[in-house]
Protein backbone atom coordinates (compact mmCIF):
# COMPACT_ATOMS: atom_id res chain seq x y z
CA UNK A 1 -46.18 -17.53 -132.68
CA UNK A 2 -49.65 -18.52 -131.58
CA UNK A 3 -51.23 -21.38 -129.65
CA UNK A 4 -54.80 -22.62 -129.86
CA UNK A 5 -55.80 -24.94 -127.02
CA UNK A 6 -58.60 -25.95 -124.69
CA UNK A 7 -58.57 -24.98 -121.03
CA UNK A 8 -57.23 -27.97 -119.07
CA UNK A 9 -59.99 -27.52 -116.49
CA UNK A 10 -63.19 -26.84 -118.48
CA UNK A 11 -62.23 -27.33 -122.17
CA UNK A 12 -63.13 -23.75 -123.11
CA UNK A 13 -61.30 -22.72 -126.32
CA UNK A 14 -58.38 -20.31 -126.04
CA UNK A 15 -55.93 -18.47 -128.32
CA UNK A 16 -52.70 -17.03 -127.00
CA UNK A 17 -49.79 -15.12 -128.54
CA UNK A 18 -46.61 -16.78 -127.27
CA UNK A 19 -44.08 -14.12 -128.26
CA UNK A 20 -43.68 -13.19 -124.58
CA UNK A 21 -44.10 -14.76 -121.13
CA UNK A 22 -47.56 -14.36 -119.66
CA UNK A 23 -50.14 -15.62 -117.21
CA UNK A 24 -53.30 -16.88 -118.89
CA UNK A 25 -56.63 -16.97 -117.06
CA UNK A 26 -59.58 -18.93 -118.48
CA UNK A 27 -62.55 -16.60 -118.93
CA UNK A 28 -64.99 -19.46 -118.26
CA UNK A 29 -63.66 -21.16 -115.11
CA UNK A 30 -60.85 -18.81 -113.96
CA UNK A 31 -58.23 -21.61 -114.20
CA UNK A 32 -54.75 -20.10 -114.60
CA UNK A 33 -51.68 -21.15 -116.59
CA UNK A 34 -48.22 -19.62 -116.61
CA UNK A 35 -47.00 -19.68 -120.22
CA UNK A 36 -43.31 -19.14 -120.88
CA UNK A 37 -42.02 -17.35 -123.96
CA UNK A 38 -41.94 -20.03 -126.63
CA UNK A 39 -38.73 -21.47 -128.02
CA UNK A 40 -39.12 -21.42 -131.84
CA UNK A 41 -38.07 -25.11 -131.95
CA UNK A 42 -40.85 -25.99 -129.43
CA UNK A 43 -39.32 -28.98 -127.63
CA UNK A 44 -42.42 -29.50 -125.42
CA UNK A 45 -46.05 -28.46 -125.19
CA UNK A 46 -46.38 -25.19 -123.27
CA UNK A 47 -49.84 -26.10 -121.96
CA UNK A 48 -49.31 -29.63 -120.57
CA UNK A 49 -45.51 -30.11 -120.77
CA UNK A 50 -45.70 -33.19 -123.01
CA UNK A 51 -42.61 -33.82 -125.16
CA UNK A 52 -44.44 -35.86 -127.81
CA UNK A 53 -45.55 -33.46 -130.53
CA UNK A 54 -46.34 -34.00 -134.20
CA UNK A 55 -46.65 -31.82 -137.27
CA UNK A 56 -49.49 -31.59 -139.75
CA UNK A 57 -50.69 -29.22 -142.45
CA UNK A 58 -52.63 -26.18 -141.26
CA UNK A 59 -55.59 -26.84 -143.52
CA UNK A 60 -59.23 -27.57 -142.63
CA UNK A 61 -60.01 -31.20 -143.43
CA UNK A 62 -63.63 -30.40 -144.31
CA UNK A 63 -62.52 -28.00 -147.04
CA UNK A 64 -60.12 -30.60 -148.47
CA UNK A 65 -62.82 -33.24 -148.52
CA UNK A 66 -65.23 -30.76 -150.11
CA UNK A 67 -62.78 -30.04 -152.93
CA UNK A 68 -62.24 -33.77 -153.43
CA UNK A 69 -65.99 -34.44 -153.43
CA UNK A 70 -66.76 -31.67 -155.93
CA UNK A 71 -63.97 -32.87 -158.23
CA UNK A 72 -65.28 -36.43 -158.09
CA UNK A 73 -68.86 -35.35 -158.85
CA UNK A 74 -67.71 -33.12 -161.72
CA UNK A 75 -65.60 -35.99 -163.11
CA UNK A 76 -68.55 -38.41 -162.96
CA UNK A 77 -70.91 -35.92 -164.60
CA UNK A 78 -68.42 -35.35 -167.43
CA UNK A 79 -68.00 -39.11 -167.83
CA UNK A 80 -71.79 -39.54 -167.93
CA UNK A 81 -72.00 -37.06 -170.82
CA UNK A 82 -69.11 -38.87 -172.60
CA UNK A 83 -66.86 -35.83 -172.33
CA UNK A 84 -63.74 -37.82 -171.55
CA UNK A 85 -61.29 -34.99 -172.18
CA UNK A 86 -63.21 -32.71 -169.84
CA UNK A 87 -63.45 -35.48 -167.26
CA UNK A 88 -59.73 -36.15 -167.27
CA UNK A 89 -59.00 -32.41 -167.30
CA UNK A 90 -61.16 -32.01 -164.19
CA UNK A 91 -59.42 -34.94 -162.49
CA UNK A 92 -55.90 -33.72 -163.33
CA UNK A 93 -56.82 -30.11 -162.52
CA UNK A 94 -58.07 -31.23 -159.09
CA UNK A 95 -54.79 -33.04 -158.50
CA UNK A 96 -52.86 -29.90 -159.51
CA UNK A 97 -54.91 -27.69 -157.15
CA UNK A 98 -54.40 -30.22 -154.35
CA UNK A 99 -50.63 -30.24 -154.95
CA UNK A 100 -50.44 -26.42 -154.96
CA UNK A 101 -52.43 -26.17 -151.73
CA UNK A 102 -50.15 -28.75 -150.13
CA UNK A 103 -47.07 -26.71 -151.06
CA UNK A 104 -48.57 -23.34 -150.05
CA UNK A 105 -50.05 -24.27 -146.68
CA UNK A 106 -47.70 -24.24 -143.71
CA UNK A 107 -47.36 -26.74 -140.89
CA UNK A 108 -48.70 -26.59 -137.35
CA UNK A 109 -47.27 -28.48 -134.41
CA UNK A 110 -49.81 -30.38 -132.30
CA UNK A 111 -49.55 -31.96 -128.86
CA UNK A 112 -50.67 -35.59 -128.67
CA UNK A 113 -51.88 -35.21 -125.06
CA UNK A 114 -53.88 -31.97 -125.00
CA UNK A 115 -54.28 -31.30 -128.76
CA UNK A 116 -52.85 -27.77 -128.47
CA UNK A 117 -52.03 -26.31 -131.92
CA UNK A 118 -48.90 -24.19 -132.32
CA UNK A 119 -48.74 -21.95 -135.39
CA UNK A 120 -45.67 -20.23 -136.87
CA UNK A 121 -43.16 -22.48 -135.12
CA UNK A 122 -40.14 -24.11 -136.67
CA UNK A 123 -40.81 -27.81 -137.31
CA UNK A 124 -37.68 -29.74 -136.37
CA UNK A 125 -36.73 -33.37 -137.06
CA UNK A 126 -38.20 -34.16 -133.62
CA UNK A 127 -41.63 -33.14 -134.96
CA UNK A 128 -42.60 -36.11 -137.10
CA UNK A 129 -45.97 -36.60 -138.83
CA UNK A 130 -48.83 -38.10 -136.83
CA UNK A 131 -48.11 -41.62 -135.56
CA UNK A 132 -51.24 -43.71 -135.06
CA UNK A 133 -49.85 -45.73 -132.13
CA UNK A 134 -48.99 -42.55 -130.19
CA UNK A 135 -52.35 -41.00 -131.04
CA UNK A 136 -54.20 -44.09 -129.86
CA UNK A 137 -52.18 -44.26 -126.63
CA UNK A 138 -53.10 -40.66 -125.77
CA UNK A 139 -56.73 -41.19 -126.83
CA UNK A 140 -56.95 -44.12 -124.41
CA UNK A 141 -55.36 -41.96 -121.70
CA UNK A 142 -58.02 -39.26 -122.25
CA UNK A 143 -60.79 -41.87 -122.04
CA UNK A 144 -59.40 -43.24 -118.75
CA UNK A 145 -59.23 -39.73 -117.28
CA UNK A 146 -62.85 -39.04 -118.29
CA UNK A 147 -63.98 -42.35 -116.77
CA UNK A 148 -62.19 -41.51 -113.53
CA UNK A 149 -63.90 -38.09 -113.44
CA UNK A 150 -67.31 -39.72 -114.01
CA UNK A 151 -66.62 -42.33 -111.31
CA UNK A 152 -65.70 -39.70 -108.72
CA UNK A 153 -69.03 -37.84 -109.14
C-alpha cells in the first residue's frame, strides 16, 4: 500500500509506504506529518483527512492519448491508400488493445482535496468514479487558498 502526494506546506513530491504507522518529514521544507497505518478500505485521506475520495485507473493519460493518436493516424493513412480492410483492422485492433489495457490496469484512489494517490487499496462502493461537481468545488477551494496566500504576502 503506497501513497503519492505533495507536501502540504511546499508541494514537494513524496512517496510513502503505508503498511505501518510512521512520521514523515518533508526533505524540502522539514514539514512533518504523522501517517497512521492505512485501513485497506481507506475511508479518508491520510494526508489531509478528507472523506471525499474517488477511484480512477492507474494509467498515464499521455500514453493513452498517444495510443489513440497513433491508431487514428494509421487508420487515416490506410484509408488514404484505399486499404479499407487494413484500416478497419487497425481501428478494431486499437479498440481491442484499449479494452485489454482497461481490464489489466488496476485502480488508484485519489483525494479530491489534496490529490494524494493511494495504490494497492481496496476500492469500496464509497469510492465512486470522479464527479465533476466535487472536483470543481475542490478546485475552487484550492484557488481561494492560493489567493489568500498571495494576499497575505
